[in-house]
Amino acid sequence: MTHKGISEITAKTFSVICAVCALLALASVLSSCAQPSDNGNGSEGAADETVVTEEGADPAPDATTSEEGETSGAATDEGVPAPSGEPDADASVSLIGDSVPLGAVPQIEEALPGAEMLVRTDRDLAGPGIELLKEENEAGKLGDIVVLALGTSNLTKANIDAAVEVIGEGRQIVFVNAYRGGAPYIEGVNAAIDEAAAERPDSFTVADWYGYVEAHPDLELAEDNCHLTESSAKDYAALIKSAVDEARVKADAR
């Protein structure tokens, strides 16, 4: 064989060897990529995962707001007294309120599932509140238990009597009294509510929010010392729930 032929064979052999080495290197890289990586604590790496526990499942639905500004939805902590007797679980609930319960809509929805909630700012019992009561009553939408949280912007005993007349004797009334630190008229508002309750002990229940706040000096309210924060909203909802349960007991006893 000539020197030229040997050189050609050697060159071809070298090319084949290089190609085989390249394939082996590529196979090694692919194999290492397929292996699970160590995340630094001895466990195999995995994609991030969000886990929802049973405690966090099924949160209360968000409130919805209508074009008129109404907030509506389907809605015993420590320190809130439990009612005596067995409540009537079938009694329906309507809640009509101002800007204070507006800050506790999710918490009230959770405490009172299925309750009709009509709450908005700038509402009092003397004007918009009584008109809404009339509309709801005429439409047959008022529940068996009517919760009124309308004392923040002032009211009188005559306002309450007018509301009672619209609501009718066949229903239970829960009235959430008012708290507004430093406001001189609040004492008169709550006195009027107490007077109305004393006249109708079998059908009128007071949710004593004023007394609850006074008894819990560490309770966190908004800067205006009236409206709710997320933490105090839970207490507010629990207080209403307790008063509604008391009203259910009264309804069942009548």
C-alpha atoms as a PDB file:
ATOM      1  CA  MET A   1       0.000   0.000   0.000  1.00  0.00           C
ATOM      2  CA  THR A   2       1.310   3.427  -0.860  1.00  0.00           C
ATOM      3  CA  HIS A   3       2.077   6.077   1.692  1.00  0.00           C
ATOM      4  CA  LYS A   4      -0.813   8.147   0.278  1.00  0.00           C
ATOM      5  CA  GLY A   5      -3.352   5.298   0.844  1.00  0.00           C
ATOM      6  CA  ILE A   6      -2.234   4.796   4.449  1.00  0.00           C
ATOM      7  CA  SER A   7      -2.692   8.484   5.192  1.00  0.00           C
ATOM      8  CA  GLU A   8      -6.221   8.457   3.782  1.00  0.00           C
ATOM      9  CA  ILE A   9      -7.202   5.435   5.973  1.00  0.00           C
ATOM     10  CA  THR A  10      -5.699   7.076   9.086  1.00  0.00           C
ATOM     11  CA  ALA A  11      -7.629  10.293   8.487  1.00  0.00           C
ATOM     12  CA  LYS A  12     -10.937   8.447   8.053  1.00  0.00           C
ATOM     13  CA  THR A  13     -10.326   6.411  11.241  1.00  0.00           C
ATOM     14  CA  PHE A  14      -9.579   9.573  13.211  1.00  0.00           C
ATOM     15  CA  SER A  15     -12.810  11.180  11.970  1.00  0.00           C
ATOM     16  CA  VAL A  16     -14.850   8.158  13.056  1.00  0.00           C
ATOM     17  CA  ILE A  17     -13.232   8.153  16.513  1.00  0.00           C
ATOM     18  CA  CYS A  18     -14.021  11.882  16.957  1.00  0.00           C
ATOM     19  CA  ALA A  19     -17.625  11.345  15.972  1.00  0.00           C
ATOM     20  CA  VAL A  20     -18.023   8.480  18.457  1.00  0.00           C
ATOM     21  CA  CYS A  21     -16.501  10.570  21.250  1.00  0.00           C
ATOM     22  CA  ALA A  22     -18.875  13.428  20.496  1.00  0.00           C
ATOM     23  CA  LEU A  23     -21.879  11.105  20.659  1.00  0.00           C
ATOM     24  CA  LEU A  24     -20.717   9.649  23.977  1.00  0.00           C
ATOM     25  CA  ALA A  25     -20.292  13.152  25.452  1.00  0.00           C
ATOM     26  CA  LEU A  26     -23.758  14.185  24.314  1.00  0.00           C
ATOM     27  CA  ALA A  27     -25.283  11.063  25.862  1.00  0.00           C
ATOM     28  CA  SER A  28     -23.547  11.850  29.153  1.00  0.00           C
ATOM     29  CA  VAL A  29     -24.953  15.395  29.215  1.00  0.00           C
ATOM     30  CA  LEU A  30     -28.488  14.208  28.465  1.00  0.00           C
ATOM     31  CA  SER A  31     -28.280  11.579  31.190  1.00  0.00           C
ATOM     32  CA  SER A  32     -27.181  14.110  33.840  1.00  0.00           C
ATOM     33  CA  CYS A  33     -30.049  16.486  32.950  1.00  0.00           C
ATOM     34  CA  ALA A  34     -32.626  13.723  33.435  1.00  0.00           C
ATOM     35  CA  GLN A  35     -31.502  13.036  37.045  1.00  0.00           C
ATOM     36  CA  PRO A  36     -33.344  14.828  39.933  1.00  0.00           C
ATOM     37  CA  SER A  37     -31.335  17.642  41.489  1.00  0.00           C
ATOM     38  CA  ASP A  38     -30.537  18.072  45.164  1.00  0.00           C
ATOM     39  CA  ASN A  39     -32.090  21.228  46.663  1.00  0.00           C
ATOM     40  CA  GLY A  40     -29.473  21.592  49.321  1.00  0.00           C
ATOM     41  CA  ASN A  41     -31.190  19.774  52.208  1.00  0.00           C
ATOM     42  CA  GLY A  42     -30.854  16.225  50.971  1.00  0.00           C
ATOM     43  CA  SER A  43     -34.306  16.062  49.391  1.00  0.00           C
ATOM     44  CA  GLU A  44     -35.092  15.924  45.718  1.00  0.00           C
ATOM     45  CA  GLY A  45     -36.005  19.172  43.988  1.00  0.00           C
ATOM     46  CA  ALA A  46     -39.641  19.765  42.981  1.00  0.00           C
ATOM     47  CA  ALA A  47     -41.789  22.523  41.554  1.00  0.00           C
ATOM     48  CA  ASP A  48     -43.285  25.034  44.028  1.00  0.00           C
ATOM     49  CA  GLU A  49     -46.764  24.039  45.193  1.00  0.00           C
ATOM     50  CA  THR A  50     -49.587  25.854  46.954  1.00  0.00           C
ATOM     51  CA  VAL A  51     -51.501  23.743  49.443  1.00  0.00           C
ATOM     52  CA  VAL A  52     -54.904  24.786  50.814  1.00  0.00           C
ATOM     53  CA  THR A  53     -55.739  23.235  54.151  1.00  0.00           C
ATOM     54  CA  GLU A  54     -59.255  22.351  55.260  1.00  0.00           C
ATOM     55  CA  GLU A  55     -59.152  25.257  57.698  1.00  0.00           C
ATOM     56  CA  GLY A  56     -58.707  27.706  54.831  1.00  0.00           C
ATOM     57  CA  ALA A  57     -61.137  26.069  52.423  1.00  0.00           C
ATOM     58  CA  ASP A  58     -64.501  27.435  51.359  1.00  0.00           C
ATOM     59  CA  PRO A  59     -64.031  31.077  52.330  1.00  0.00           C
ATOM     60  CA  ALA A  60     -67.064  33.315  52.659  1.00  0.00           C
ATOM     61  CA  PRO A  61     -68.113  34.700  49.250  1.00  0.00           C
ATOM     62  CA  ASP A  62     -67.206  38.261  48.370  1.00  0.00           C
ATOM     63  CA  ALA A  63     -69.885  40.872  48.767  1.00  0.00           C
ATOM     64  CA  THR A  64     -71.415  42.348  45.641  1.00  0.00           C
ATOM     65  CA  THR A  65     -72.366  45.967  45.120  1.00  0.00           C
ATOM     66  CA  SER A  66     -75.348  47.051  43.063  1.00  0.00           C
ATOM     67  CA  GLU A  67     -75.577  50.182  40.920  1.00  0.00           C
ATOM     68  CA  GLU A  68     -77.324  51.998  43.776  1.00  0.00           C
ATOM     69  CA  GLY A  69     -74.388  51.326  46.098  1.00  0.00           C
ATOM     70  CA  GLU A  70     -76.114  48.574  48.080  1.00  0.00           C
ATOM     71  CA  THR A  71     -73.915  45.765  49.298  1.00  0.00           C
ATOM     72  CA  SER A  72     -75.670  42.438  49.428  1.00  0.00           C
ATOM     73  CA  GLY A  73     -74.691  38.879  50.078  1.00  0.00           C
ATOM     74  CA  ALA A  74     -75.748  35.541  51.331  1.00  0.00           C
ATOM     75  CA  ALA A  75     -73.805  36.233  55.752  1.00  0.00           C
ATOM     76  CA  THR A  76     -69.545  32.691  69.482  1.00  0.00           C
ATOM     77  CA  ASP A  77     -66.461  34.418  69.798  1.00  0.00           C
ATOM     78  CA  GLU A  78     -64.973  34.804  73.261  1.00  0.00           C
ATOM     79  CA  GLY A  79     -66.705  37.560  75.210  1.00  0.00           C
ATOM     80  CA  VAL A  80     -69.981  37.330  73.285  1.00  0.00           C
ATOM     81  CA  PRO A  81     -72.752  35.752  75.374  1.00  0.00           C
ATOM     82  CA  ALA A  82     -74.509  32.727  73.925  1.00  0.00           C
ATOM     83  CA  PRO A  83     -78.325  32.764  73.941  1.00  0.00           C
ATOM     84  CA  SER A  84     -80.243  30.455  76.252  1.00  0.00           C
ATOM     85  CA  GLY A  85     -82.639  28.002  74.639  1.00  0.00           C
ATOM     86  CA  GLU A  86     -82.736  26.445  71.193  1.00  0.00           C
ATOM     87  CA  PRO A  87     -82.778  28.932  68.283  1.00  0.00           C
ATOM     88  CA  ASP A  88     -85.152  28.591  65.341  1.00  0.00           C
ATOM     89  CA  ALA A  89     -82.682  27.752  62.587  1.00  0.00           C
ATOM     90  CA  ASP A  90     -85.295  28.177  59.834  1.00  0.00           C
ATOM     91  CA  ALA A  91     -85.966  31.876  60.504  1.00  0.00           C
ATOM     92  CA  SER A  92     -84.730  34.048  57.628  1.00  0.00           C
ATOM     93  CA  VAL A  93     -82.686  37.177  58.315  1.00  0.00           C
ATOM     94  CA  SER A  94     -82.571  40.627  56.684  1.00  0.00           C
ATOM     95  CA  LEU A  95     -79.923  43.160  57.723  1.00  0.00           C
ATOM     96  CA  ILE A  96     -80.284  46.849  56.885  1.00  0.00           C
ATOM     97  CA  GLY A  97     -77.377  49.013  57.901  1.00  0.00           C
ATOM     98  CA  ASP A  98     -75.092  51.982  57.387  1.00  0.00           C
ATOM     99  CA  SER A  99     -71.355  52.322  56.831  1.00  0.00           C
ATOM    100  CA  VAL A 100     -70.393  50.464  60.025  1.00  0.00           C
ATOM    101  CA  PRO A 101     -71.716  47.012  59.023  1.00  0.00           C
ATOM    102  CA  LEU A 102     -70.497  47.795  55.499  1.00  0.00           C
ATOM    103  CA  GLY A 103     -67.019  47.218  56.912  1.00  0.00           C
ATOM    104  CA  ALA A 104     -67.934  43.725  58.114  1.00  0.00           C
ATOM    105  CA  VAL A 105     -69.794  42.258  55.143  1.00  0.00           C
ATOM    106  CA  PRO A 106     -67.615  39.117  54.684  1.00  0.00           C
ATOM    107  CA  GLN A 107     -67.584  38.422  58.425  1.00  0.00           C
ATOM    108  CA  ILE A 108     -71.368  38.811  58.743  1.00  0.00           C
ATOM    109  CA  GLU A 109     -71.917  36.628  55.678  1.00  0.00           C
ATOM    110  CA  GLU A 110     -69.832  33.930  57.327  1.00  0.00           C
ATOM    111  CA  ALA A 111     -71.645  34.295  60.651  1.00  0.00           C
ATOM    112  CA  LEU A 112     -75.134  34.418  59.091  1.00  0.00           C
ATOM    113  CA  PRO A 113     -75.119  32.364  55.880  1.00  0.00           C
ATOM    114  CA  GLY A 114     -78.069  33.192  53.661  1.00  0.00           C
ATOM    115  CA  ALA A 115     -78.898  36.516  55.305  1.00  0.00           C
ATOM    116  CA  GLU A 116     -80.040  39.327  53.025  1.00  0.00           C
ATOM    117  CA  MET A 117     -77.726  42.274  53.544  1.00  0.00           C
ATOM    118  CA  LEU A 118     -78.547  45.823  52.449  1.00  0.00           C
ATOM    119  CA  VAL A 119     -75.832  48.125  53.765  1.00  0.00           C
ATOM    120  CA  ARG A 120     -74.418  51.365  52.445  1.00  0.00           C
ATOM    121  CA  THR A 121     -72.922  54.661  53.535  1.00  0.00           C
ATOM    122  CA  ASP A 122     -74.952  57.770  54.412  1.00  0.00           C
ATOM    123  CA  ARG A 123     -78.044  55.904  55.557  1.00  0.00           C
ATOM    124  CA  ASP A 124     -80.066  56.628  58.682  1.00  0.00           C
ATOM    125  CA  LEU A 125     -83.358  55.341  59.995  1.00  0.00           C
ATOM    126  CA  ALA A 126     -85.173  58.665  59.692  1.00  0.00           C
ATOM    127  CA  GLY A 127     -84.950  58.871  55.886  1.00  0.00           C
ATOM    128  CA  PRO A 128     -83.447  56.244  53.556  1.00  0.00           C
ATOM    129  CA  GLY A 129     -83.633  53.495  56.157  1.00  0.00           C
ATOM    130  CA  ILE A 130     -87.382  53.661  56.725  1.00  0.00           C
ATOM    131  CA  GLU A 131     -88.031  53.972  52.985  1.00  0.00           C
ATOM    132  CA  LEU A 132     -85.988  50.859  52.295  1.00  0.00           C
ATOM    133  CA  LEU A 133     -87.876  48.982  55.015  1.00  0.00           C
ATOM    134  CA  LYS A 134     -91.158  49.916  53.352  1.00  0.00           C
ATOM    135  CA  GLU A 135     -89.914  48.799  49.937  1.00  0.00           C
ATOM    136  CA  GLU A 136     -88.613  45.476  51.229  1.00  0.00           C
ATOM    137  CA  ASN A 137     -91.823  44.820  53.192  1.00  0.00           C
ATOM    138  CA  GLU A 138     -94.091  45.641  50.242  1.00  0.00           C
ATOM    139  CA  ALA A 139     -92.001  43.375  48.008  1.00  0.00           C
ATOM    140  CA  GLY A 140     -92.287  40.531  50.541  1.00  0.00           C
ATOM    141  CA  LYS A 141     -88.495  40.391  51.001  1.00  0.00           C
ATOM    142  CA  LEU A 142     -88.160  41.155  54.711  1.00  0.00           C
ATOM    143  CA  GLY A 143     -86.923  38.205  56.711  1.00  0.00           C
ATOM    144  CA  ASP A 144     -88.441  36.717  59.850  1.00  0.00           C
ATOM    145  CA  ILE A 145     -85.697  38.522  61.771  1.00  0.00           C
ATOM    146  CA  VAL A 146     -84.833  42.092  60.805  1.00  0.00           C
ATOM    147  CA  VAL A 147     -81.447  43.392  61.927  1.00  0.00           C
ATOM    148  CA  LEU A 148     -81.132  47.182  62.019  1.00  0.00           C
ATOM    149  CA  ALA A 149     -77.681  48.776  62.279  1.00  0.00           C
ATOM    150  CA  LEU A 150     -78.630  52.385  61.630  1.00  0.00           C
ATOM    151  CA  GLY A 151     -77.763  54.381  64.743  1.00  0.00           C
ATOM    152  CA  THR A 152     -74.421  55.875  63.713  1.00  0.00           C
ATOM    153  CA  SER A 153     -75.948  58.965  62.087  1.00  0.00           C
ATOM    154  CA  ASN A 154     -78.398  59.631  64.924  1.00  0.00           C
ATOM    155  CA  LEU A 155     -82.017  58.584  65.445  1.00  0.00           C
ATOM    156  CA  THR A 156     -84.943  59.110  67.822  1.00  0.00           C
ATOM    157  CA  LYS A 157     -87.420  56.889  69.581  1.00  0.00           C
ATOM    158  CA  ALA A 158     -90.046  58.066  67.068  1.00  0.00           C
ATOM    159  CA  ASN A 159     -87.831  56.773  64.228  1.00  0.00           C
ATOM    160  CA  ILE A 160     -87.646  53.362  65.891  1.00  0.00           C
ATOM    161  CA  ASP A 161     -91.402  53.232  66.492  1.00  0.00           C
ATOM    162  CA  ALA A 162     -92.006  54.021  62.820  1.00  0.00           C
ATOM    163  CA  ALA A 163     -89.647  51.211  61.802  1.00  0.00           C
ATOM    164  CA  VAL A 164     -91.383  48.768  64.157  1.00  0.00           C
ATOM    165  CA  GLU A 165     -94.734  49.632  62.611  1.00  0.00           C
ATOM    166  CA  VAL A 166     -93.422  48.896  59.125  1.00  0.00           C
ATOM    167  CA  ILE A 167     -91.723  45.661  60.168  1.00  0.00           C
ATOM    168  CA  GLY A 168     -94.873  44.393  61.871  1.00  0.00           C
ATOM    169  CA  GLU A 169     -95.590  42.471  65.041  1.00  0.00           C
ATOM    170  CA  GLY A 170     -94.960  39.052  63.512  1.00  0.00           C
ATOM    171  CA  ARG A 171     -91.217  39.550  63.091  1.00  0.00           C
ATOM    172  CA  GLN A 172     -88.263  39.730  65.437  1.00  0.00           C
ATOM    173  CA  ILE A 173     -86.141  42.887  65.506  1.00  0.00           C
ATOM    174  CA  VAL A 174     -82.448  42.987  66.362  1.00  0.00           C
ATOM    175  CA  PHE A 175     -81.104  46.512  66.775  1.00  0.00           C
ATOM    176  CA  VAL A 176     -77.342  47.022  66.873  1.00  0.00           C
ATOM    177  CA  ASN A 177     -76.685  50.027  69.061  1.00  0.00           C
ATOM    178  CA  ALA A 178     -74.064  52.601  68.156  1.00  0.00           C
ATOM    179  CA  TYR A 179     -70.512  53.411  69.177  1.00  0.00           C
ATOM    180  CA  ARG A 180     -68.729  56.579  68.150  1.00  0.00           C
ATOM    181  CA  GLY A 181     -66.059  57.630  70.597  1.00  0.00           C
ATOM    182  CA  GLY A 182     -66.526  61.208  71.761  1.00  0.00           C
ATOM    183  CA  ALA A 183     -69.836  61.818  69.947  1.00  0.00           C
ATOM    184  CA  PRO A 184     -72.311  63.297  72.499  1.00  0.00           C
ATOM    185  CA  TYR A 185     -75.467  62.190  70.654  1.00  0.00           C
ATOM    186  CA  ILE A 186     -74.649  58.462  70.896  1.00  0.00           C
ATOM    187  CA  GLU A 187     -75.930  58.277  74.480  1.00  0.00           C
ATOM    188  CA  GLY A 188     -79.371  59.483  73.341  1.00  0.00           C
ATOM    189  CA  VAL A 189     -79.383  57.061  70.375  1.00  0.00           C
ATOM    190  CA  ASN A 190     -78.689  54.073  72.575  1.00  0.00           C
ATOM    191  CA  ALA A 191     -81.178  55.215  75.226  1.00  0.00           C
ATOM    192  CA  ALA A 192     -83.885  55.322  72.550  1.00  0.00           C
ATOM    193  CA  ILE A 193     -82.976  51.796  71.418  1.00  0.00           C
ATOM    194  CA  ASP A 194     -83.072  50.510  75.009  1.00  0.00           C
ATOM    195  CA  GLU A 195     -86.455  52.127  75.577  1.00  0.00           C
ATOM    196  CA  ALA A 196     -87.905  50.477  72.476  1.00  0.00           C
ATOM    197  CA  ALA A 197     -86.513  47.120  73.563  1.00  0.00           C
ATOM    198  CA  ALA A 198     -88.024  47.455  77.033  1.00  0.00           C
ATOM    199  CA  GLU A 199     -91.460  48.009  75.492  1.00  0.00           C
ATOM    200  CA  ARG A 200     -91.217  44.865  73.352  1.00  0.00           C
ATOM    201  CA  PRO A 201     -89.093  42.335  75.256  1.00  0.00           C
ATOM    202  CA  ASP A 202     -90.511  39.349  73.356  1.00  0.00           C
ATOM    203  CA  SER A 203     -89.719  40.691  69.897  1.00  0.00           C
ATOM    204  CA  PHE A 204     -86.919  43.234  70.249  1.00  0.00           C
ATOM    205  CA  THR A 205     -83.288  42.306  70.972  1.00  0.00           C
ATOM    206  CA  VAL A 206     -80.395  44.722  71.401  1.00  0.00           C
ATOM    207  CA  ALA A 207     -76.962  43.807  70.060  1.00  0.00           C
ATOM    208  CA  ASP A 208     -74.947  45.895  72.509  1.00  0.00           C
ATOM    209  CA  TRP A 209     -71.985  46.959  70.378  1.00  0.00           C
ATOM    210  CA  TYR A 210     -71.434  50.040  72.555  1.00  0.00           C
ATOM    211  CA  GLY A 211     -71.154  47.907  75.683  1.00  0.00           C
ATOM    212  CA  TYR A 212     -68.878  45.432  73.926  1.00  0.00           C
ATOM    213  CA  VAL A 213     -66.442  48.126  72.795  1.00  0.00           C
ATOM    214  CA  GLU A 214     -66.409  49.712  76.247  1.00  0.00           C
ATOM    215  CA  ALA A 215     -65.677  46.326  77.816  1.00  0.00           C
ATOM    216  CA  HIS A 216     -62.803  45.632  75.405  1.00  0.00           C
ATOM    217  CA  PRO A 217     -60.443  48.649  75.484  1.00  0.00           C
ATOM    218  CA  ASP A 218     -57.900  46.817  73.339  1.00  0.00           C
ATOM    219  CA  LEU A 219     -60.393  46.404  70.501  1.00  0.00           C
ATOM    220  CA  GLU A 220     -59.016  47.961  67.317  1.00  0.00           C
ATOM    221  CA  LEU A 221     -61.302  50.437  65.565  1.00  0.00           C
ATOM    222  CA  ALA A 222     -60.588  52.735  62.622  1.00  0.00           C
ATOM    223  CA  GLU A 223     -58.982  56.136  63.169  1.00  0.00           C
ATOM    224  CA  ASP A 224     -62.399  57.801  63.515  1.00  0.00           C
ATOM    225  CA  ASN A 225     -63.059  55.605  66.570  1.00  0.00           C
ATOM    226  CA  CYS A 226     -66.293  54.420  64.979  1.00  0.00           C
ATOM    227  CA  HIS A 227     -65.797  52.255  61.909  1.00  0.00           C
ATOM    228  CA  LEU A 228     -64.325  48.767  61.869  1.00  0.00           C
ATOM    229  CA  THR A 229     -60.987  47.216  61.141  1.00  0.00           C
ATOM    230  CA  GLU A 230     -60.578  43.643  59.950  1.00  0.00           C
ATOM    231  CA  SER A 231     -60.090  42.383  63.499  1.00  0.00           C
ATOM    232  CA  SER A 232     -62.972  44.313  65.092  1.00  0.00           C
ATOM    233  CA  ALA A 233     -65.244  43.312  62.190  1.00  0.00           C
ATOM    234  CA  LYS A 234     -65.027  39.721  63.427  1.00  0.00           C
ATOM    235  CA  ASP A 235     -66.190  40.794  66.896  1.00  0.00           C
ATOM    236  CA  TYR A 236     -68.981  42.883  65.382  1.00  0.00           C
ATOM    237  CA  ALA A 237     -70.234  39.941  63.310  1.00  0.00           C
ATOM    238  CA  ALA A 238     -70.053  37.577  66.278  1.00  0.00           C
ATOM    239  CA  LEU A 239     -72.080  40.002  68.406  1.00  0.00           C
ATOM    240  CA  ILE A 240     -74.789  40.244  65.743  1.00  0.00           C
ATOM    241  CA  LYS A 241     -74.820  36.462  65.366  1.00  0.00           C
ATOM    242  CA  SER A 242     -75.362  36.063  69.122  1.00  0.00           C
ATOM    243  CA  ALA A 243     -78.231  38.597  69.128  1.00  0.00           C
ATOM    244  CA  VAL A 244     -79.840  36.921  66.102  1.00  0.00           C
ATOM    245  CA  ASP A 245     -79.653  33.551  67.848  1.00  0.00           C
ATOM    246  CA  GLU A 246     -81.355  35.111  70.860  1.00  0.00           C
ATOM    247  CA  ALA A 247     -84.067  36.460  68.552  1.00  0.00           C
ATOM    248  CA  ARG A 248     -84.483  33.000  67.026  1.00  0.00           C
ATOM    249  CA  VAL A 249     -85.147  31.610  70.503  1.00  0.00           C
ATOM    250  CA  LYS A 250     -87.771  34.296  71.122  1.00  0.00           C
ATOM    251  CA  ALA A 251     -89.400  33.560  67.757  1.00  0.00           C
ATOM    252  CA  ASP A 252     -89.596  29.879  68.539  1.00  0.00           C
ATOM    253  CA  ALA A 253     -91.175  30.600  71.930  1.00  0.00           C
ATOM    254  CA  ARG A 254     -93.980  32.788  70.529  1.00  0.00           C
END
